[in-house]
Amino acid sequence: MHLLLDVNCDVYPLHRDEKFTMALAPTLSLDGTPDEGVLDQSGKRSLADRYDYVMYGKLYKYSDDHSTGALKVDIYVSFGGLLMKLKGDPQHLNELQMDQRLYVLLRKVK
C-alpha cells in the first residue's frame, strides 16, 4: 500500500520517516455498531481511545489504476480539507464505497 495523508501538524506533529500505526474504520464503536458521525461525549469507550489522532471524513473518489501493469485502486478521502490518497490491491480496499464516511486513526510507534 502507498499512503499520502495530510495531517494538522500544529495539533499532531508527524515527521518524515516517523513510524505510526493507522486504522481506517467506518465507526468508532468497539462492537462495530454504525454511528451518526457525531462525537459521543458520554464517556463510553471507543476505538478512538486506542489512538492519539482521529479524523472523520468522506470517501469522494475511487478509481482503478493500471499504470503499473497490475491492477491497483486509488481511494481519496477528504477530512474537512485535509486529504488522503490510499493506493493498494483491490482485495484490501474492496469494502470501501463512494460517499462512505470513514475515520482515520493514528498512533505513533515508539
PDB file of N, CA and C in Angstrom:
ATOM      1  N   MET A   1       0.835  -1.177   0.000  1.00  0.00           N
ATOM      2  CA  MET A   1       0.000   0.000   0.000  1.00  0.00           C
ATOM      3  C   MET A   1       0.878   1.238   0.000  1.00  0.00           C
ATOM      4  N   HIS A   2       0.336   2.258  -0.589  1.00  0.00           N
ATOM      5  CA  HIS A   2       1.006   3.546  -0.628  1.00  0.00           C
ATOM      6  C   HIS A   2       0.036   4.586  -0.074  1.00  0.00           C
ATOM      7  N   LEU A   3       0.507   5.412   0.849  1.00  0.00           N
ATOM      8  CA  LEU A   3      -0.350   6.375   1.535  1.00  0.00           C
ATOM      9  C   LEU A   3       0.198   7.783   1.405  1.00  0.00           C
ATOM     10  N   LEU A   4      -0.681   8.710   1.056  1.00  0.00           N
ATOM     11  CA  LEU A   4      -0.407  10.148   1.150  1.00  0.00           C
ATOM     12  C   LEU A   4      -1.486  10.703   2.066  1.00  0.00           C
ATOM     13  N   LEU A   5      -1.078  11.396   3.141  1.00  0.00           N
ATOM     14  CA  LEU A   5      -2.049  11.850   4.130  1.00  0.00           C
ATOM     15  C   LEU A   5      -1.684  13.230   4.650  1.00  0.00           C
ATOM     16  N   ASP A   6      -2.641  14.147   4.592  1.00  0.00           N
ATOM     17  CA  ASP A   6      -2.482  15.453   5.227  1.00  0.00           C
ATOM     18  C   ASP A   6      -2.821  15.304   6.701  1.00  0.00           C
ATOM     19  N   VAL A   7      -1.962  15.864   7.547  1.00  0.00           N
ATOM     20  CA  VAL A   7      -2.184  15.851   8.985  1.00  0.00           C
ATOM     21  C   VAL A   7      -1.999  17.279   9.482  1.00  0.00           C
ATOM     22  N   ASN A   8      -2.829  17.715  10.416  1.00  0.00           N
ATOM     23  CA  ASN A   8      -2.662  19.037  11.005  1.00  0.00           C
ATOM     24  C   ASN A   8      -1.453  18.981  11.936  1.00  0.00           C
ATOM     25  N   CYS A   9      -0.307  19.420  11.434  1.00  0.00           N
ATOM     26  CA  CYS A   9       0.952  19.278  12.176  1.00  0.00           C
ATOM     27  C   CYS A   9       1.023  20.198  13.394  1.00  0.00           C
ATOM     28  N   ASP A  10       0.140  21.189  13.482  1.00  0.00           N
ATOM     29  CA  ASP A  10       0.091  22.017  14.688  1.00  0.00           C
ATOM     30  C   ASP A  10      -0.559  21.249  15.837  1.00  0.00           C
ATOM     31  N   VAL A  11      -1.472  20.353  15.504  1.00  0.00           N
ATOM     32  CA  VAL A  11      -2.176  19.555  16.502  1.00  0.00           C
ATOM     33  C   VAL A  11      -1.453  18.236  16.761  1.00  0.00           C
ATOM     34  N   TYR A  12      -0.953  17.620  15.691  1.00  0.00           N
ATOM     35  CA  TYR A  12      -0.310  16.302  15.787  1.00  0.00           C
ATOM     36  C   TYR A  12       0.943  16.285  14.919  1.00  0.00           C
ATOM     37  N   PRO A  13       2.076  16.721  15.459  1.00  0.00           N
ATOM     38  CA  PRO A  13       3.306  16.742  14.661  1.00  0.00           C
ATOM     39  C   PRO A  13       3.717  15.325  14.258  1.00  0.00           C
ATOM     40  N   LEU A  14       3.888  15.130  12.978  1.00  0.00           N
ATOM     41  CA  LEU A  14       4.306  13.846  12.429  1.00  0.00           C
ATOM     42  C   LEU A  14       5.381  14.143  11.396  1.00  0.00           C
ATOM     43  N   HIS A  15       6.554  13.581  11.597  1.00  0.00           N
ATOM     44  CA  HIS A  15       7.700  13.924  10.759  1.00  0.00           C
ATOM     45  C   HIS A  15       8.028  12.811   9.776  1.00  0.00           C
ATOM     46  N   ARG A  16       8.708  13.178   8.699  1.00  0.00           N
ATOM     47  CA  ARG A  16       9.134  12.219   7.689  1.00  0.00           C
ATOM     48  C   ARG A  16       9.906  11.080   8.367  1.00  0.00           C
ATOM     49  N   ASP A  17       9.615   9.865   7.920  1.00  0.00           N
ATOM     50  CA  ASP A  17      10.245   8.640   8.405  1.00  0.00           C
ATOM     51  C   ASP A  17       9.861   8.270   9.841  1.00  0.00           C
ATOM     52  N   GLU A  18       8.961   9.022  10.456  1.00  0.00           N
ATOM     53  CA  GLU A  18       8.470   8.646  11.780  1.00  0.00           C
ATOM     54  C   GLU A  18       7.456   7.519  11.604  1.00  0.00           C
ATOM     55  N   LYS A  19       7.564   6.484  12.398  1.00  0.00           N
ATOM     56  CA  LYS A  19       6.678   5.326  12.261  1.00  0.00           C
ATOM     57  C   LYS A  19       5.381   5.549  13.040  1.00  0.00           C
ATOM     58  N   PHE A  20       4.289   5.064  12.442  1.00  0.00           N
ATOM     59  CA  PHE A  20       2.989   5.187  13.087  1.00  0.00           C
ATOM     60  C   PHE A  20       2.099   4.023  12.678  1.00  0.00           C
ATOM     61  N   THR A  21       1.087   3.787  13.474  1.00  0.00           N
ATOM     62  CA  THR A  21       0.055   2.804  13.174  1.00  0.00           C
ATOM     63  C   THR A  21      -1.168   3.579  12.725  1.00  0.00           C
ATOM     64  N   MET A  22      -1.832   3.077  11.686  1.00  0.00           N
ATOM     65  CA  MET A  22      -3.022   3.742  11.163  1.00  0.00           C
ATOM     66  C   MET A  22      -4.146   2.735  11.044  1.00  0.00           C
ATOM     67  N   ALA A  23      -5.342   3.175  11.370  1.00  0.00           N
ATOM     68  CA  ALA A  23      -6.538   2.357  11.155  1.00  0.00           C
ATOM     69  C   ALA A  23      -7.533   3.191  10.362  1.00  0.00           C
ATOM     70  N   LEU A  24      -8.283   2.523   9.524  1.00  0.00           N
ATOM     71  CA  LEU A  24      -9.354   3.136   8.748  1.00  0.00           C
ATOM     72  C   LEU A  24     -10.624   2.402   9.152  1.00  0.00           C
ATOM     73  N   ALA A  25     -11.620   3.120   9.664  1.00  0.00           N
ATOM     74  CA  ALA A  25     -12.812   2.470  10.195  1.00  0.00           C
ATOM     75  C   ALA A  25     -14.072   3.257   9.860  1.00  0.00           C
ATOM     76  N   PRO A  26     -15.198   2.552   9.627  1.00  0.00           N
ATOM     77  CA  PRO A  26     -16.461   3.234   9.359  1.00  0.00           C
ATOM     78  C   PRO A  26     -17.169   3.704  10.626  1.00  0.00           C
ATOM     79  N   THR A  27     -16.720   3.239  11.791  1.00  0.00           N
ATOM     80  CA  THR A  27     -17.329   3.610  13.066  1.00  0.00           C
ATOM     81  C   THR A  27     -16.276   3.584  14.160  1.00  0.00           C
ATOM     82  N   LEU A  28     -16.525   4.312  15.236  1.00  0.00           N
ATOM     83  CA  LEU A  28     -15.632   4.275  16.387  1.00  0.00           C
ATOM     84  C   LEU A  28     -16.113   3.284  17.440  1.00  0.00           C
ATOM     85  N   SER A  29     -17.276   2.728  17.229  1.00  0.00           N
ATOM     86  CA  SER A  29     -17.844   1.770  18.173  1.00  0.00           C
ATOM     87  C   SER A  29     -17.004   0.499  18.204  1.00  0.00           C
ATOM     88  N   LEU A  30     -16.675   0.030  19.396  1.00  0.00           N
ATOM     89  CA  LEU A  30     -15.849  -1.167  19.533  1.00  0.00           C
ATOM     90  C   LEU A  30     -16.564  -2.426  19.060  1.00  0.00           C
ATOM     91  N   ASP A  31     -17.895  -2.420  19.068  1.00  0.00           N
ATOM     92  CA  ASP A  31     -18.640  -3.594  18.594  1.00  0.00           C
ATOM     93  C   ASP A  31     -19.063  -3.473  17.130  1.00  0.00           C
ATOM     94  N   GLY A  32     -18.627  -2.406  16.453  1.00  0.00           N
ATOM     95  CA  GLY A  32     -18.916  -2.239  15.029  1.00  0.00           C
ATOM     96  C   GLY A  32     -20.262  -1.621  14.721  1.00  0.00           C
ATOM     97  N   THR A  33     -21.005  -1.216  15.744  1.00  0.00           N
ATOM     98  CA  THR A  33     -22.303  -0.583  15.531  1.00  0.00           C
ATOM     99  C   THR A  33     -22.113   0.724  14.764  1.00  0.00           C
ATOM    100  N   PRO A  34     -22.870   0.937  13.693  1.00  0.00           N
ATOM    101  CA  PRO A  34     -22.750   2.198  12.955  1.00  0.00           C
ATOM    102  C   PRO A  34     -23.055   3.394  13.855  1.00  0.00           C
ATOM    103  N   ASP A  35     -22.378   4.504  13.582  1.00  0.00           N
ATOM    104  CA  ASP A  35     -22.660   5.719  14.344  1.00  0.00           C
ATOM    105  C   ASP A  35     -23.176   6.805  13.421  1.00  0.00           C
ATOM    106  N   GLU A  36     -23.557   7.910  14.002  1.00  0.00           N
ATOM    107  CA  GLU A  36     -24.129   9.030  13.246  1.00  0.00           C
ATOM    108  C   GLU A  36     -23.073  10.040  12.810  1.00  0.00           C
ATOM    109  N   GLY A  37     -21.818   9.793  13.120  1.00  0.00           N
ATOM    110  CA  GLY A  37     -20.769  10.734  12.750  1.00  0.00           C
ATOM    111  C   GLY A  37     -20.700  11.932  13.684  1.00  0.00           C
ATOM    112  N   VAL A  38     -21.310  11.799  14.856  1.00  0.00           N
ATOM    113  CA  VAL A  38     -21.303  12.855  15.859  1.00  0.00           C
ATOM    114  C   VAL A  38     -20.478  12.355  17.041  1.00  0.00           C
ATOM    115  N   LEU A  39     -19.614  13.194  17.568  1.00  0.00           N
ATOM    116  CA  LEU A  39     -18.753  12.799  18.677  1.00  0.00           C
ATOM    117  C   LEU A  39     -19.592  12.412  19.885  1.00  0.00           C
ATOM    118  N   ASP A  40     -19.417  11.200  20.357  1.00  0.00           N
ATOM    119  CA  ASP A  40     -20.116  10.696  21.538  1.00  0.00           C
ATOM    120  C   ASP A  40     -19.350  11.164  22.773  1.00  0.00           C
ATOM    121  N   GLN A  41     -19.958  12.046  23.555  1.00  0.00           N
ATOM    122  CA  GLN A  41     -19.301  12.599  24.728  1.00  0.00           C
ATOM    123  C   GLN A  41     -19.778  11.937  26.018  1.00  0.00           C
ATOM    124  N   SER A  42     -20.359  10.745  25.899  1.00  0.00           N
ATOM    125  CA  SER A  42     -20.891  10.046  27.071  1.00  0.00           C
ATOM    126  C   SER A  42     -19.797   9.426  27.934  1.00  0.00           C
ATOM    127  N   GLY A  43     -18.589   9.331  27.422  1.00  0.00           N
ATOM    128  CA  GLY A  43     -17.501   8.698  28.159  1.00  0.00           C
ATOM    129  C   GLY A  43     -17.380   7.212  27.861  1.00  0.00           C
ATOM    130  N   LYS A  44     -18.268   6.693  27.020  1.00  0.00           N
ATOM    131  CA  LYS A  44     -18.230   5.287  26.625  1.00  0.00           C
ATOM    132  C   LYS A  44     -16.939   5.018  25.852  1.00  0.00           C
ATOM    133  N   ARG A  45     -16.290   3.892  26.134  1.00  0.00           N
ATOM    134  CA  ARG A  45     -15.047   3.534  25.442  1.00  0.00           C
ATOM    135  C   ARG A  45     -15.293   3.387  23.950  1.00  0.00           C
ATOM    136  N   SER A  46     -14.295   3.791  23.154  1.00  0.00           N
ATOM    137  CA  SER A  46     -14.403   3.693  21.698  1.00  0.00           C
ATOM    138  C   SER A  46     -13.038   3.396  21.100  1.00  0.00           C
ATOM    139  N   LEU A  47     -13.030   3.144  19.827  1.00  0.00           N
ATOM    140  CA  LEU A  47     -11.788   2.895  19.100  1.00  0.00           C
ATOM    141  C   LEU A  47     -10.830   4.089  19.218  1.00  0.00           C
ATOM    142  N   ALA A  48     -11.367   5.283  19.326  1.00  0.00           N
ATOM    143  CA  ALA A  48     -10.551   6.496  19.428  1.00  0.00           C
ATOM    144  C   ALA A  48      -9.668   6.485  20.688  1.00  0.00           C
ATOM    145  N   ASP A  49     -10.074   5.755  21.722  1.00  0.00           N
ATOM    146  CA  ASP A  49      -9.280   5.690  22.953  1.00  0.00           C
ATOM    147  C   ASP A  49      -7.939   5.003  22.738  1.00  0.00           C
ATOM    148  N   ARG A  50      -7.818   4.240  21.675  1.00  0.00           N
ATOM    149  CA  ARG A  50      -6.590   3.489  21.395  1.00  0.00           C
ATOM    150  C   ARG A  50      -5.607   4.265  20.506  1.00  0.00           C
ATOM    151  N   TYR A  51      -6.004   5.457  20.069  1.00  0.00           N
ATOM    152  CA  TYR A  51      -5.190   6.238  19.137  1.00  0.00           C
ATOM    153  C   TYR A  51      -5.015   7.661  19.654  1.00  0.00           C
ATOM    154  N   ASP A  52      -4.036   8.367  19.088  1.00  0.00           N
ATOM    155  CA  ASP A  52      -3.716   9.730  19.508  1.00  0.00           C
ATOM    156  C   ASP A  52      -4.391  10.792  18.645  1.00  0.00           C
ATOM    157  N   TYR A  53      -4.699  10.458  17.401  1.00  0.00           N
ATOM    158  CA  TYR A  53      -5.198  11.457  16.437  1.00  0.00           C
ATOM    159  C   TYR A  53      -6.278  10.802  15.601  1.00  0.00           C
ATOM    160  N   VAL A  54      -7.447  11.441  15.525  1.00  0.00           N
ATOM    161  CA  VAL A  54      -8.584  10.882  14.790  1.00  0.00           C
ATOM    162  C   VAL A  54      -9.171  11.961  13.889  1.00  0.00           C
ATOM    163  N   MET A  55      -9.464  11.580  12.642  1.00  0.00           N
ATOM    164  CA  MET A  55     -10.168  12.476  11.716  1.00  0.00           C
ATOM    165  C   MET A  55     -11.366  11.730  11.134  1.00  0.00           C
ATOM    166  N   TYR A  56     -12.405  12.488  10.806  1.00  0.00           N
ATOM    167  CA  TYR A  56     -13.623  11.927  10.234  1.00  0.00           C
ATOM    168  C   TYR A  56     -13.837  12.554   8.865  1.00  0.00           C
ATOM    169  N   GLY A  57     -14.101  11.734   7.845  1.00  0.00           N
ATOM    170  CA  GLY A  57     -14.251  12.283   6.508  1.00  0.00           C
ATOM    171  C   GLY A  57     -15.099  11.422   5.604  1.00  0.00           C
ATOM    172  N   LYS A  58     -15.014  11.747   4.319  1.00  0.00           N
ATOM    173  CA  LYS A  58     -15.861  11.107   3.317  1.00  0.00           C
ATOM    174  C   LYS A  58     -15.022  10.662   2.131  1.00  0.00           C
ATOM    175  N   LEU A  59     -15.246   9.421   1.692  1.00  0.00           N
ATOM    176  CA  LEU A  59     -14.572   8.902   0.505  1.00  0.00           C
ATOM    177  C   LEU A  59     -15.243   9.552  -0.713  1.00  0.00           C
ATOM    178  N   TYR A  60     -14.487  10.363  -1.440  1.00  0.00           N
ATOM    179  CA  TYR A  60     -15.081  11.106  -2.551  1.00  0.00           C
ATOM    180  C   TYR A  60     -14.633  10.633  -3.934  1.00  0.00           C
ATOM    181  N   LYS A  61     -13.626   9.754  -3.985  1.00  0.00           N
ATOM    182  CA  LYS A  61     -13.179   9.273  -5.287  1.00  0.00           C
ATOM    183  C   LYS A  61     -12.577   7.887  -5.126  1.00  0.00           C
ATOM    184  N   TYR A  62     -12.931   6.996  -6.041  1.00  0.00           N
ATOM    185  CA  TYR A  62     -12.444   5.615  -6.045  1.00  0.00           C
ATOM    186  C   TYR A  62     -12.124   5.310  -7.498  1.00  0.00           C
ATOM    187  N   SER A  63     -10.889   4.979  -7.803  1.00  0.00           N
ATOM    188  CA  SER A  63     -10.551   4.746  -9.208  1.00  0.00           C
ATOM    189  C   SER A  63      -9.579   3.584  -9.361  1.00  0.00           C
ATOM    190  N   ASP A  64      -9.670   2.922 -10.509  1.00  0.00           N
ATOM    191  CA  ASP A  64      -8.743   1.849 -10.862  1.00  0.00           C
ATOM    192  C   ASP A  64      -7.491   2.455 -11.462  1.00  0.00           C
ATOM    193  N   ASP A  65      -6.344   1.853 -11.163  1.00  0.00           N
ATOM    194  CA  ASP A  65      -5.059   2.326 -11.680  1.00  0.00           C
ATOM    195  C   ASP A  65      -4.349   1.142 -12.333  1.00  0.00           C
ATOM    196  N   HIS A  66      -4.173   1.213 -13.651  1.00  0.00           N
ATOM    197  CA  HIS A  66      -3.500   0.152 -14.401  1.00  0.00           C
ATOM    198  C   HIS A  66      -2.084   0.568 -14.813  1.00  0.00           C
ATOM    199  N   SER A  67      -1.591   1.692 -14.306  1.00  0.00           N
ATOM    200  CA  SER A  67      -0.324   2.249 -14.772  1.00  0.00           C
ATOM    201  C   SER A  67       0.885   1.349 -14.487  1.00  0.00           C
ATOM    202  N   THR A  68       0.820   0.508 -13.477  1.00  0.00           N
ATOM    203  CA  THR A  68       1.960  -0.349 -13.142  1.00  0.00           C
ATOM    204  C   THR A  68       1.859  -1.728 -13.782  1.00  0.00           C
ATOM    205  N   GLY A  69       0.793  -1.968 -14.548  1.00  0.00           N
ATOM    206  CA  GLY A  69       0.582  -3.276 -15.157  1.00  0.00           C
ATOM    207  C   GLY A  69      -0.341  -4.134 -14.320  1.00  0.00           C
ATOM    208  N   ALA A  70      -0.164  -4.125 -13.018  1.00  0.00           N
ATOM    209  CA  ALA A  70      -1.060  -4.855 -12.113  1.00  0.00           C
ATOM    210  C   ALA A  70      -2.169  -3.906 -11.659  1.00  0.00           C
ATOM    211  N   LEU A  71      -3.363  -4.434 -11.523  1.00  0.00           N
ATOM    212  CA  LEU A  71      -4.485  -3.592 -11.109  1.00  0.00           C
ATOM    213  C   LEU A  71      -4.299  -3.130  -9.664  1.00  0.00           C
ATOM    214  N   LYS A  72      -4.384  -1.840  -9.479  1.00  0.00           N
ATOM    215  CA  LYS A  72      -4.381  -1.212  -8.156  1.00  0.00           C
ATOM    216  C   LYS A  72      -5.596  -0.293  -8.112  1.00  0.00           C
ATOM    217  N   VAL A  73      -6.035   0.072  -6.922  1.00  0.00           N
ATOM    218  CA  VAL A  73      -7.101   1.054  -6.795  1.00  0.00           C
ATOM    219  C   VAL A  73      -6.582   2.225  -5.975  1.00  0.00           C
ATOM    220  N   ASP A  74      -7.096   3.389  -6.293  1.00  0.00           N
ATOM    221  CA  ASP A  74      -6.807   4.604  -5.542  1.00  0.00           C
ATOM    222  C   ASP A  74      -8.088   5.019  -4.858  1.00  0.00           C
ATOM    223  N   ILE A  75      -8.012   5.301  -3.560  1.00  0.00           N
ATOM    224  CA  ILE A  75      -9.157   5.885  -2.884  1.00  0.00           C
ATOM    225  C   ILE A  75      -8.735   7.245  -2.353  1.00  0.00           C
ATOM    226  N   TYR A  76      -9.655   8.176  -2.400  1.00  0.00           N
ATOM    227  CA  TYR A  76      -9.417   9.536  -1.940  1.00  0.00           C
ATOM    228  C   TYR A  76     -10.469   9.878  -0.892  1.00  0.00           C
ATOM    229  N   VAL A  77     -10.009  10.374   0.252  1.00  0.00           N
ATOM    230  CA  VAL A  77     -10.906  10.742   1.343  1.00  0.00           C
ATOM    231  C   VAL A  77     -10.586  12.172   1.752  1.00  0.00           C
ATOM    232  N   SER A  78     -11.639  12.971   1.967  1.00  0.00           N
ATOM    233  CA  SER A  78     -11.473  14.334   2.445  1.00  0.00           C
ATOM    234  C   SER A  78     -11.905  14.402   3.902  1.00  0.00           C
ATOM    235  N   PHE A  79     -11.036  14.963   4.725  1.00  0.00           N
ATOM    236  CA  PHE A  79     -11.309  15.161   6.141  1.00  0.00           C
ATOM    237  C   PHE A  79     -11.415  16.669   6.391  1.00  0.00           C
ATOM    238  N   GLY A  80     -12.457  17.272   5.881  1.00  0.00           N
ATOM    239  CA  GLY A  80     -12.658  18.705   6.082  1.00  0.00           C
ATOM    240  C   GLY A  80     -11.547  19.555   5.510  1.00  0.00           C
ATOM    241  N   GLY A  81     -11.000  19.169   4.383  1.00  0.00           N
ATOM    242  CA  GLY A  81      -9.920  19.927   3.745  1.00  0.00           C
ATOM    243  C   GLY A  81      -8.575  19.228   3.818  1.00  0.00           C
ATOM    244  N   LEU A  82      -8.373  18.381   4.805  1.00  0.00           N
ATOM    245  CA  LEU A  82      -7.173  17.546   4.847  1.00  0.00           C
ATOM    246  C   LEU A  82      -7.488  16.298   4.033  1.00  0.00           C
ATOM    247  N   LEU A  83      -6.583  15.904   3.160  1.00  0.00           N
ATOM    248  CA  LEU A  83      -6.871  14.844   2.191  1.00  0.00           C
ATOM    249  C   LEU A  83      -6.016  13.609   2.411  1.00  0.00           C
ATOM    250  N   MET A  84      -6.542  12.481   1.954  1.00  0.00           N
ATOM    251  CA  MET A  84      -5.808  11.225   1.995  1.00  0.00           C
ATOM    252  C   MET A  84      -5.975  10.518   0.663  1.00  0.00           C
ATOM    253  N   LYS A  85      -4.864   9.961   0.158  1.00  0.00           N
ATOM    254  CA  LYS A  85      -4.901   9.087  -1.008  1.00  0.00           C
ATOM    255  C   LYS A  85      -4.267   7.773  -0.575  1.00  0.00           C
ATOM    256  N   LEU A  86      -4.989   6.690  -0.797  1.00  0.00           N
ATOM    257  CA  LEU A  86      -4.500   5.365  -0.456  1.00  0.00           C
ATOM    258  C   LEU A  86      -4.547   4.508  -1.700  1.00  0.00           C
ATOM    259  N   LYS A  87      -3.404   3.950  -2.077  1.00  0.00           N
ATOM    260  CA  LYS A  87      -3.306   3.096  -3.267  1.00  0.00           C
ATOM    261  C   LYS A  87      -2.942   1.691  -2.810  1.00  0.00           C
ATOM    262  N   GLY A  88      -3.673   0.708  -3.337  1.00  0.00           N
ATOM    263  CA  GLY A  88      -3.359  -0.661  -2.954  1.00  0.00           C
ATOM    264  C   GLY A  88      -4.106  -1.668  -3.796  1.00  0.00           C
ATOM    265  N   ASP A  89      -3.958  -2.931  -3.419  1.00  0.00           N
ATOM    266  CA  ASP A  89      -4.638  -4.020  -4.114  1.00  0.00           C
ATOM    267  C   ASP A  89      -6.140  -3.945  -3.867  1.00  0.00           C
ATOM    268  N   PRO A  90      -6.931  -4.200  -4.903  1.00  0.00           N
ATOM    269  CA  PRO A  90      -8.382  -4.151  -4.744  1.00  0.00           C
ATOM    270  C   PRO A  90      -8.895  -5.070  -3.642  1.00  0.00           C
ATOM    271  N   GLN A  91      -8.260  -6.208  -3.437  1.00  0.00           N
ATOM    272  CA  GLN A  91      -8.727  -7.147  -2.421  1.00  0.00           C
ATOM    273  C   GLN A  91      -8.665  -6.565  -1.016  1.00  0.00           C
ATOM    274  N   HIS A  92      -7.784  -5.576  -0.791  1.00  0.00           N
ATOM    275  CA  HIS A  92      -7.660  -4.954   0.526  1.00  0.00           C
ATOM    276  C   HIS A  92      -8.574  -3.741   0.678  1.00  0.00           C
ATOM    277  N   LEU A  93      -9.043  -3.198  -0.426  1.00  0.00           N
ATOM    278  CA  LEU A  93      -9.841  -1.974  -0.370  1.00  0.00           C
ATOM    279  C   LEU A  93     -11.253  -2.159  -0.925  1.00  0.00           C
ATOM    280  N   ASN A  94     -11.651  -3.390  -1.190  1.00  0.00           N
ATOM    281  CA  ASN A  94     -12.929  -3.630  -1.858  1.00  0.00           C
ATOM    282  C   ASN A  94     -14.150  -3.363  -0.978  1.00  0.00           C
ATOM    283  N   GLU A  95     -13.981  -3.247   0.328  1.00  0.00           N
ATOM    284  CA  GLU A  95     -15.108  -2.966   1.230  1.00  0.00           C
ATOM    285  C   GLU A  95     -15.486  -1.482   1.220  1.00  0.00           C
ATOM    286  N   LEU A  96     -14.615  -0.649   0.701  1.00  0.00           N
ATOM    287  CA  LEU A  96     -14.863   0.792   0.705  1.00  0.00           C
ATOM    288  C   LEU A  96     -15.725   1.198  -0.475  1.00  0.00           C
ATOM    289  N   GLN A  97     -16.615   2.177  -0.234  1.00  0.00           N
ATOM    290  CA  GLN A  97     -17.555   2.613  -1.264  1.00  0.00           C
ATOM    291  C   GLN A  97     -17.575   4.132  -1.367  1.00  0.00           C
ATOM    292  N   MET A  98     -17.950   4.609  -2.541  1.00  0.00           N
ATOM    293  CA  MET A  98     -18.094   6.047  -2.764  1.00  0.00           C
ATOM    294  C   MET A  98     -19.053   6.643  -1.740  1.00  0.00           C
ATOM    295  N   ASP A  99     -18.754   7.840  -1.283  1.00  0.00           N
ATOM    296  CA  ASP A  99     -19.555   8.605  -0.328  1.00  0.00           C
ATOM    297  C   ASP A  99     -19.613   7.981   1.065  1.00  0.00           C
ATOM    298  N   GLN A 100     -18.808   6.954   1.311  1.00  0.00           N
ATOM    299  CA  GLN A 100     -18.767   6.330   2.625  1.00  0.00           C
ATOM    300  C   GLN A 100     -18.070   7.270   3.608  1.00  0.00           C
ATOM    301  N   ARG A 101     -18.597   7.345   4.817  1.00  0.00           N
ATOM    302  CA  ARG A 101     -17.965   8.123   5.895  1.00  0.00           C
ATOM    303  C   ARG A 101     -16.954   7.221   6.591  1.00  0.00           C
ATOM    304  N   LEU A 102     -15.758   7.770   6.828  1.00  0.00           N
ATOM    305  CA  LEU A 102     -14.665   6.985   7.405  1.00  0.00           C
ATOM    306  C   LEU A 102     -13.914   7.775   8.469  1.00  0.00           C
ATOM    307  N   TYR A 103     -13.387   7.053   9.420  1.00  0.00           N
ATOM    308  CA  TYR A 103     -12.459   7.610  10.397  1.00  0.00           C
ATOM    309  C   TYR A 103     -11.063   7.124  10.041  1.00  0.00           C
ATOM    310  N   VAL A 104     -10.087   7.997  10.165  1.00  0.00           N
ATOM    311  CA  VAL A 104      -8.692   7.578  10.106  1.00  0.00           C
ATOM    312  C   VAL A 104      -8.134   7.849  11.496  1.00  0.00           C
ATOM    313  N   LEU A 105      -7.438   6.858  12.036  1.00  0.00           N
ATOM    314  CA  LEU A 105      -6.908   6.928  13.394  1.00  0.00           C
ATOM    315  C   LEU A 105      -5.407   6.685  13.354  1.00  0.00           C
ATOM    316  N   LEU A 106      -4.638   7.515  14.044  1.00  0.00           N
ATOM    317  CA  LEU A 106      -3.175   7.417  14.033  1.00  0.00           C
ATOM    318  C   LEU A 106      -2.626   7.322  15.453  1.00  0.00           C
ATOM    319  N   ARG A 107      -1.551   6.558  15.578  1.00  0.00           N
ATOM    320  CA  ARG A 107      -0.817   6.445  16.835  1.00  0.00           C
ATOM    321  C   ARG A 107       0.657   6.237  16.482  1.00  0.00           C
ATOM    322  N   LYS A 108       1.526   7.032  17.070  1.00  0.00           N
ATOM    323  CA  LYS A 108       2.958   6.887  16.809  1.00  0.00           C
ATOM    324  C   LYS A 108       3.476   5.609  17.438  1.00  0.00           C
ATOM    325  N   VAL A 109       4.434   4.972  16.743  1.00  0.00           N
ATOM    326  CA  VAL A 109       5.089   3.771  17.247  1.00  0.00           C
ATOM    327  C   VAL A 109       6.402   4.204  17.852  1.00  0.00           C
ATOM    328  N   LYS A 110       6.642   3.792  19.068  1.00  0.00           N
ATOM    329  CA  LYS A 110       7.874   4.218  19.771  1.00  0.00           C
ATOM    330  C   LYS A 110       8.968   3.205  19.630  1.00  0.00           C
TER     331      LYS A 110
END
